[in-house]
Every structure is written in C-alpha cells, then in structure tokens.
Protein backbone atom coordinates (compact mmCIF):
# COMPACT_ATOMS: atom_id res chain seq x y z
CA UNK A 1 105.38 162.60 94.94
CA UNK A 2 105.77 166.35 95.03
CA UNK A 3 102.31 166.58 95.00
CA UNK A 4 101.70 164.12 97.78
CA UNK A 5 104.25 166.08 100.02
CA UNK A 6 102.30 169.36 99.21
CA UNK A 7 99.01 167.81 100.22
CA UNK A 8 100.34 166.55 103.46
CA UNK A 9 103.01 168.74 104.61
CA UNK A 10 103.92 167.40 108.01
CA UNK A 11 103.25 163.35 107.77
CA UNK A 12 105.89 162.74 110.42
CA UNK A 13 103.94 164.93 112.93
CA UNK A 14 100.68 163.21 112.07
CA UNK A 15 102.27 159.84 112.50
CA UNK A 16 104.30 160.87 115.68
CA UNK A 17 107.38 159.21 113.96
CA UNK A 18 105.72 155.67 114.17
CA UNK A 19 106.14 154.37 110.78
CA UNK A 20 105.06 150.47 110.94
CA UNK A 21 106.53 149.83 107.48
CA UNK A 22 110.18 150.53 108.31
CA UNK A 23 110.39 147.08 109.63
CA UNK A 24 108.75 145.53 106.64
CA UNK A 25 111.05 147.01 103.91
CA UNK A 26 113.56 144.41 103.93
CA UNK A 27 113.33 140.47 103.98
CA UNK A 28 116.01 140.47 106.88
CA UNK A 29 113.92 142.92 108.93
CA UNK A 30 110.81 140.83 108.34
CA UNK A 31 112.48 137.90 109.42
CA UNK A 32 114.05 139.35 112.64
CA UNK A 33 110.48 140.69 113.66
CA UNK A 34 108.70 137.76 112.85
CA UNK A 35 106.35 136.81 115.83
CA UNK A 36 105.82 133.37 115.09
CA UNK A 37 108.03 130.82 113.50
CA UNK A 38 106.90 127.62 111.87
CA UNK A 39 109.40 124.70 111.66
CA UNK A 40 109.18 120.72 110.87
CA UNK A 41 109.30 120.32 114.67
CA UNK A 42 105.64 121.73 114.70
CA UNK A 43 104.02 118.80 112.54
CA UNK A 44 102.30 115.71 113.04
CA UNK A 45 101.64 113.91 109.83
CA UNK A 46 98.64 111.73 109.81
CA UNK A 47 98.77 108.65 107.43
CA UNK A 48 96.21 106.11 106.55
CA UNK A 49 96.81 102.42 106.54
CA UNK A 50 95.37 99.43 104.35
CA UNK A 51 96.01 95.79 103.57
CA UNK A 52 98.68 94.56 101.32
CA UNK A 53 102.21 94.79 100.32
CA UNK A 54 103.76 97.61 98.41
CA UNK A 55 100.47 99.50 98.19
CA UNK A 56 100.12 103.07 97.87
CA UNK A 57 96.42 103.61 97.03
CA UNK A 58 95.21 107.18 96.26
CA UNK A 59 92.25 108.45 98.41
CA UNK A 60 90.14 110.12 95.70
CA UNK A 61 88.57 112.77 98.10
CA UNK A 62 92.05 113.97 99.12
CA UNK A 63 94.42 114.83 96.28
CA UNK A 64 97.93 113.70 96.85
CA UNK A 65 96.98 111.47 100.10
CA UNK A 66 97.36 107.85 100.01
CA UNK A 67 96.56 104.80 101.84
CA UNK A 68 99.94 102.81 102.85
CA UNK A 69 100.33 99.20 103.33
CA UNK A 70 102.24 98.58 106.37
CA UNK A 71 105.57 98.10 104.61
CA UNK A 72 105.09 101.56 102.72
CA UNK A 73 104.16 103.12 105.85
CA UNK A 74 107.63 102.37 107.33
CA UNK A 75 109.16 103.96 104.23
CA UNK A 76 106.67 107.18 104.90
CA UNK A 77 107.89 107.02 108.59
CA UNK A 78 111.61 107.36 107.52
CA UNK A 79 110.88 110.21 105.30
CA UNK A 80 109.06 112.00 107.95
CA UNK A 81 111.88 111.64 110.35
CA UNK A 82 114.43 112.77 107.69
CA UNK A 83 112.60 115.82 107.18
CA UNK A 84 112.24 116.63 110.81
CA UNK A 85 108.91 115.57 111.56
CA UNK A 86 108.72 114.30 115.03
CA UNK A 87 105.44 112.25 114.98
CA UNK A 88 103.39 110.27 112.58
CA UNK A 89 99.88 109.29 113.23
CA UNK A 90 98.43 106.16 111.84
CA UNK A 91 94.57 105.61 110.91
CA UNK A 92 93.38 102.32 109.51
CA UNK A 93 91.30 101.68 106.43
CA UNK A 94 88.69 99.02 107.37
CA UNK A 95 86.31 97.33 104.89
CA UNK A 96 83.12 95.89 105.73
CA UNK A 97 84.62 92.42 106.55
CA UNK A 98 86.74 93.95 109.67
CA UNK A 99 83.52 95.80 110.97
CA UNK A 100 80.98 94.73 113.54
CA UNK A 101 78.71 96.26 116.16
CA UNK A 102 81.51 95.74 118.88
CA UNK A 103 84.44 96.92 117.15
CA UNK A 104 86.20 93.84 117.57
CA UNK A 105 89.18 94.45 115.42
CA UNK A 106 90.17 97.58 117.85
CA UNK A 107 91.35 94.49 120.19
CA UNK A 108 93.15 92.57 117.63
CA UNK A 109 96.93 92.50 118.27
CA UNK A 110 97.95 92.05 114.70
CA UNK A 111 95.41 94.80 113.33
CA UNK A 112 96.93 97.20 110.88
CA UNK A 113 97.70 99.97 113.53
CA UNK A 114 99.44 97.49 115.77
CA UNK A 115 101.17 95.95 112.71
CA UNK A 116 102.46 99.71 111.80
CA UNK A 117 103.35 100.35 115.20
CA UNK A 118 105.68 97.35 115.68
CA UNK A 119 107.33 97.68 112.24
CA UNK A 120 107.85 101.68 112.48
CA UNK A 121 109.26 101.30 116.04
CA UNK A 122 111.64 98.45 114.78
CA UNK A 123 112.79 100.18 111.60
CA UNK A 124 112.51 104.20 112.57
CA UNK A 125 113.15 104.15 116.30
CA UNK A 126 113.55 108.10 116.28
CA UNK A 127 110.01 108.91 115.40
CA UNK A 128 106.97 109.21 117.56
CA UNK A 129 103.85 107.22 116.77
CA UNK A 130 100.62 108.41 117.47
CA UNK A 131 97.34 106.03 117.26
CA UNK A 132 93.75 107.08 117.32
CA UNK A 133 91.38 105.69 120.17
CA UNK A 134 88.05 105.39 118.86
CA UNK A 135 85.76 102.53 117.50
CA UNK A 136 84.55 104.26 114.28
CA UNK A 137 87.30 102.29 112.20
CA UNK A 138 85.80 99.19 113.16
CA UNK A 139 82.15 99.54 113.95
CA UNK A 140 79.47 98.63 111.51
CA UNK A 141 77.60 101.47 112.34
CA UNK A 142 80.27 104.00 111.78
CA UNK A 143 80.13 105.59 115.39
CA UNK A 144 82.88 106.07 117.79
CA UNK A 145 81.28 104.09 120.43
CA UNK A 146 78.96 101.31 121.17
CA UNK A 147 75.33 101.62 119.95
CA UNK A 148 71.96 100.65 121.57
CA UNK A 149 69.35 101.59 119.20
CA UNK A 150 69.97 105.19 118.23
CA UNK A 151 71.98 105.92 121.56
CA UNK A 152 75.75 105.89 122.07
CA UNK A 153 76.53 104.08 125.45
CA UNK A 154 79.11 106.34 127.29
CA UNK A 155 80.26 103.83 130.01
CA UNK A 156 80.40 100.64 128.03
CA UNK A 157 82.15 102.43 125.36
CA UNK A 158 84.92 103.58 127.73
CA UNK A 159 85.62 99.90 128.55
CA UNK A 160 86.21 99.23 124.89
CA UNK A 161 88.31 102.18 124.61
CA UNK A 162 90.60 101.07 127.44
CA UNK A 163 91.13 97.65 125.72
CA UNK A 164 91.99 99.34 122.42
CA UNK A 165 94.42 101.90 124.11
CA UNK A 166 96.28 98.95 125.94
CA UNK A 167 96.54 97.03 122.63
CA UNK A 168 98.20 99.93 120.90
CA UNK A 169 100.41 100.67 123.94
CA UNK A 170 101.45 96.96 123.78
CA UNK A 171 102.25 97.58 120.14
CA UNK A 172 104.43 100.43 120.67
CA UNK A 173 102.17 103.35 120.47
CA UNK A 174 103.97 106.38 122.11
CA UNK A 175 100.91 108.70 121.97
CA UNK A 176 97.37 107.61 122.20
CA UNK A 177 94.75 109.97 121.09
CA UNK A 178 91.20 109.51 122.54
CA UNK A 179 89.04 110.98 119.75
CA UNK A 180 85.65 109.51 120.86
CA UNK A 181 84.44 112.41 123.07
CA UNK A 182 82.84 110.08 125.72
CA UNK A 183 82.67 111.40 129.32
CA UNK A 184 85.36 110.23 131.48
CA UNK A 185 87.43 108.51 129.03
CA UNK A 186 90.76 110.26 129.73
CA UNK A 187 90.96 109.42 133.41
CA UNK A 188 89.91 105.69 132.76
CA UNK A 189 92.57 105.28 129.90
CA UNK A 190 95.07 106.92 132.29
CA UNK A 191 94.52 104.72 134.93
CA UNK A 192 94.45 101.59 132.98
CA UNK A 193 97.77 102.37 131.00
CA UNK A 194 99.47 103.31 134.38
CA UNK A 195 98.35 100.02 136.10
CA UNK A 196 99.42 97.91 133.04
CA UNK A 197 102.93 99.55 133.15
CA UNK A 198 102.73 102.09 130.31
CA UNK A 199 102.87 104.86 132.35
CA UNK A 200 105.34 106.70 129.86
CA UNK A 201 102.53 106.54 127.06
CA UNK A 202 101.32 109.98 126.48
CA UNK A 203 97.61 111.03 126.30
CA UNK A 204 96.77 113.62 123.72
CA UNK A 205 93.23 114.33 124.21
CA UNK A 206 90.81 115.25 121.43
CA UNK A 207 89.45 117.57 124.10
CA UNK A 208 87.53 119.97 121.83
CA UNK A 209 86.39 117.98 119.04
CA UNK A 210 83.42 119.60 116.80
CA UNK A 211 80.56 117.82 115.10
CA UNK A 212 81.85 119.37 111.91
CA UNK A 213 80.97 119.15 108.14
CA UNK A 214 84.89 119.13 107.59
CA UNK A 215 85.41 115.60 108.26
CA UNK A 216 83.96 114.04 105.15
CA UNK A 217 87.35 113.19 103.16
CA UNK A 218 88.53 111.65 106.23
CA UNK A 219 85.68 109.22 106.58
CA UNK A 220 86.22 108.01 103.02
CA UNK A 221 89.87 107.48 103.74
CA UNK A 222 89.15 105.18 106.61
CA UNK A 223 86.08 103.48 105.03
CA UNK A 224 83.47 104.94 107.46
CA UNK A 225 81.56 107.24 105.00
CA UNK A 226 79.03 104.34 103.83
CA UNK A 227 78.99 102.81 107.43
CA UNK A 228 78.04 105.76 109.40
CA UNK A 229 74.31 105.61 110.61
CA UNK A 230 73.01 108.94 111.83
CA UNK A 231 75.50 111.56 113.09
CA UNK A 232 77.66 112.18 115.90
CA UNK A 233 75.91 115.46 117.53
CA UNK A 234 75.21 113.61 120.79
CA UNK A 235 78.88 113.12 121.56
CA UNK A 236 80.78 115.67 119.43
CA UNK A 237 80.41 119.46 120.28
CA UNK A 238 78.36 121.83 118.44
CA UNK A 239 79.88 124.47 116.13
CA UNK A 240 78.22 127.05 118.01
CA UNK A 241 79.92 126.82 121.38
CA UNK A 242 83.10 128.09 122.63
CA UNK A 243 82.90 128.29 126.32
CA UNK A 244 81.97 124.47 126.39
CA UNK A 245 85.17 123.81 124.95
CA UNK A 246 87.14 125.27 127.55
CA UNK A 247 85.29 123.17 130.18
CA UNK A 248 85.95 119.96 128.02
CA UNK A 249 89.64 120.88 127.93
CA UNK A 250 89.80 121.36 131.66
CA UNK A 251 88.07 118.15 132.28
CA UNK A 252 90.57 116.34 130.31
CA UNK A 253 93.39 118.07 131.91
CA UNK A 254 91.96 117.36 135.39
CA UNK A 255 91.65 113.49 134.32
CA UNK A 256 95.41 113.41 133.14
CA UNK A 257 95.79 114.60 129.65
CA UNK A 258 99.32 115.36 128.70
CA UNK A 259 98.24 117.36 125.64
CA UNK A 260 95.15 118.61 124.39
CA UNK A 261 93.60 119.05 120.91
CA UNK A 262 91.16 121.10 119.00
CA UNK A 263 89.73 119.67 115.91
CA UNK A 264 89.02 120.70 113.08
CA UNK A 265 91.57 123.74 112.96
CA UNK A 266 91.07 126.89 110.62
CA UNK A 267 87.37 127.29 111.68
CA UNK A 268 88.31 127.15 115.01
CA UNK A 269 91.45 129.13 115.88
CA UNK A 270 89.59 131.13 118.35
CA UNK A 271 89.01 127.98 120.47
CA UNK A 272 92.90 127.11 120.08
CA UNK A 273 93.72 130.43 121.40
CA UNK A 274 91.32 130.46 124.33
CA UNK A 275 92.52 126.96 125.34
CA UNK A 276 96.11 127.66 125.24
CA UNK A 277 95.68 131.09 127.01
CA UNK A 278 93.32 129.70 129.74
CA UNK A 279 95.47 126.52 130.68
CA UNK A 280 99.26 126.74 129.32
CA UNK A 281 99.03 123.08 128.19
CA UNK A 282 100.68 121.61 125.06
CA UNK A 283 97.94 122.62 122.77
CA UNK A 284 97.62 121.02 119.14
CA UNK A 285 95.03 121.62 116.35
CA UNK A 286 94.08 119.27 113.59
CA UNK A 287 93.85 120.55 109.95
CA UNK A 288 91.35 118.18 108.94
CA UNK A 289 90.72 116.30 105.64
CA UNK A 290 88.01 118.87 104.32
CA UNK A 291 90.46 121.91 105.30
CA UNK A 292 93.07 120.02 103.37
CA UNK A 293 91.11 119.26 100.34
CA UNK A 294 89.40 122.65 99.90
CA UNK A 295 92.99 124.02 99.53
CA UNK A 296 94.16 121.42 97.19
CA UNK A 297 90.83 121.57 95.11
CA UNK A 298 91.19 125.43 94.85
CA UNK A 299 94.66 125.18 94.11
CA UNK A 300 94.10 122.69 91.25
CA UNK A 301 91.56 125.08 89.70
CA UNK A 302 94.20 127.93 89.74
CA UNK A 303 91.98 129.97 92.09
CA UNK A 304 94.55 130.13 94.68
CA UNK A 305 98.33 129.68 95.03
CA UNK A 306 98.15 126.32 96.93
CA UNK A 307 101.71 126.55 98.08
CA UNK A 308 101.33 129.92 99.80
CA UNK A 309 97.91 129.28 101.17
CA UNK A 310 99.37 126.02 102.61
CA UNK A 311 102.18 127.84 104.45
CA UNK A 312 99.84 130.58 105.40
CA UNK A 313 97.29 128.45 107.00
CA UNK A 314 99.80 126.44 109.05
CA UNK A 315 101.34 129.78 110.26
CA UNK A 316 97.78 130.91 111.53
CA UNK A 317 97.85 127.70 113.90
CA UNK A 318 101.02 128.83 115.46
CA UNK A 319 99.80 132.51 115.66
CA UNK A 320 96.74 131.35 117.34
CA UNK A 321 98.69 129.63 120.08
CA UNK A 322 98.86 125.99 118.77
CA UNK A 323 102.19 124.30 119.70
CA UNK A 324 101.74 121.68 117.00
CA UNK A 325 99.68 120.91 113.90
CA UNK A 326 98.22 117.82 112.64
CA UNK A 327 98.25 118.16 108.82
CA UNK A 328 98.22 116.17 105.73
CA UNK A 329 100.62 118.89 104.30
CA UNK A 330 103.30 118.09 106.72
CA UNK A 331 105.74 116.45 104.18
CA UNK A 332 105.36 119.40 101.61
CA UNK A 333 105.46 122.05 104.27
CA UNK A 334 108.60 120.70 105.81
CA UNK A 335 110.50 120.04 102.58
CA UNK A 336 109.65 123.56 101.89
CA UNK A 337 110.76 124.79 105.33
CA UNK A 338 113.92 122.78 104.94
CA UNK A 339 114.90 124.40 101.66
CA UNK A 340 114.70 127.80 103.09
C-alpha cells in the first residue's frame, strides 16, 4: 500500500473526490442505491397444460418444467398466488388428434385452456389468468394462422382469433395475449370483446415477436415441433430489425392494446428499452423457453451458478425498462426473493 501511495501521490486530486466505490462498500449502501428492484409482483408464470388427472409430466427440453393436468394447474396457481406472483399464463399441449387445418379446438368451450380458466378462477380467485391467442397449438401444420398453400391468410386468421378470444373470455381469462402477429388483429379483437360485453378483459399484445431460434423447447412443450411445416418468417419479425418493432408496438397501441410485449427477452433488451422509452406503456418481456433452458443446461454442467444467473437475467429485464417478465423461473425466483 505504501508503494502505491508513493507511485500515485495525489489520487484524490486525480479523482476530484469522485470515488464511486464508496457506495459499494457495504451491503446496506448497495441496497440503498439500487436503481432497479425485482419483486414477485414483476412475474408472470407460464405453465403448460395436458390431459388427465393428477398429471405432472416433465418437458424433456425444459429441465424443471412440467405439463400440468387441470387439477394440478389449480395447485400450481395457488402456489403462485401464495408467493405473490400476480398472473399465471396457460398454454395447452395438443396431440395430433386435437389438431386440424382450421384449429377447431380453439373454439371448444371445454378445451384445456377453458377448463383451466374456470377451475383456477373458482379455486384461486385472487390470481390473474393470461391466455394465448394463436392457432399454433391447434393446427396440424403448426402455424399461428390459417394456411393456403404456403401462405398464411391474414384476415381469415383474424376471424378465427376473434372466436378464440371470445371463447377464452367467456371461460374467465383476464388477459388475452394475441401472439400470432397478424396485421390488425388487436383492433379487431378489442372491438369483438367490447361488443360481447367483455370490455374488462385486458389485451397484452405480443407486439414485437421475433422469428427466433430460441422457441424450440416451447414448441416441444405444446406439441408443435413435429407439426410445424416451414417457418414463421412471413409474419414474425426479423431479428435484424429494431425500428420495425417500434412501428409494430405503435400500431398495437393505437388499435387498443392495454399492454405490449417483446419476445424473446435477453437478446432483445434494446427493443424493450426503446419501446418503453418511446411509448411509456406497460411493457413486458418474455424470457422464452430457449433462454430458460440454456441457463438450466449450463447450470447442470456446473459452468455457471444457475441461481445467480437466473436472478441477474431477470434483473436485466427491469433495468432495460420492462414492467414485468414472463418467465419459467417465476416460482424459484419469487421463493428466493421472499426469503430475502
């Protein structure tokens, strides 16, 4: 230390008194000066549904994630509510027998999503329920919309999405999340919901959804991997584009979206920040299946501290400007946060 002092005789003058490390020295000063705070209120927990009773079926490509039968989903919702997680998002696994080119199962008032909405609303009235509006869990070609040859039909798909949204709203969904990326669907769904007396149902638009390679494990979880024919680049966004995302967000806001989402998450934090900064809307990000599975796989190999990376990644969303995060880590992260 003496040698350092002789080498740099007037460090205070050099630094002009600005010693940034002063407020990092103690744990209490680090807490006091924290710019962003993460709480269980920030999480939406996506879960997967499957047929049966008493079923918790592991998703092989998503370590620690299971598909729940509806009765088990009720227990999961109660656990989330007890932890202070405000919303649970439900996604159905559909086998080939539930799929056709029309996505007919989306209209079934007794499909897995509707069953779960009714059961969770009855048993856990204090938690919000979010449902996915897109046809890919129900089409035999695995696309989010109706297919004619190799073309996704935009306007015809919207008519189907309206029907799906109304079916979910009648079952008790509090937030519908159109994830299909068809042009004009937010305005059409808003008009239909209001006209049917569901004006309190929130629309969280998947406003900037990218044609990403991070979705693979999710498609396994909902049974769409084997069904998908081709890819989704004609309606999901190019990962190369940022300004286009802002135009998409603005259009959805103008059509009546109550909340907007960027998907995926970590690779698109710049888009989250720009969207929040530009519009000031409730802005959410989805830490998608591939992001989750990469953390879990690296942690299982001992290459990273999985718990610390989990928390650091979630904090990054808040720092970027996200008001909330859809994450498969929600229960573990909320448990950790509640424990202090």
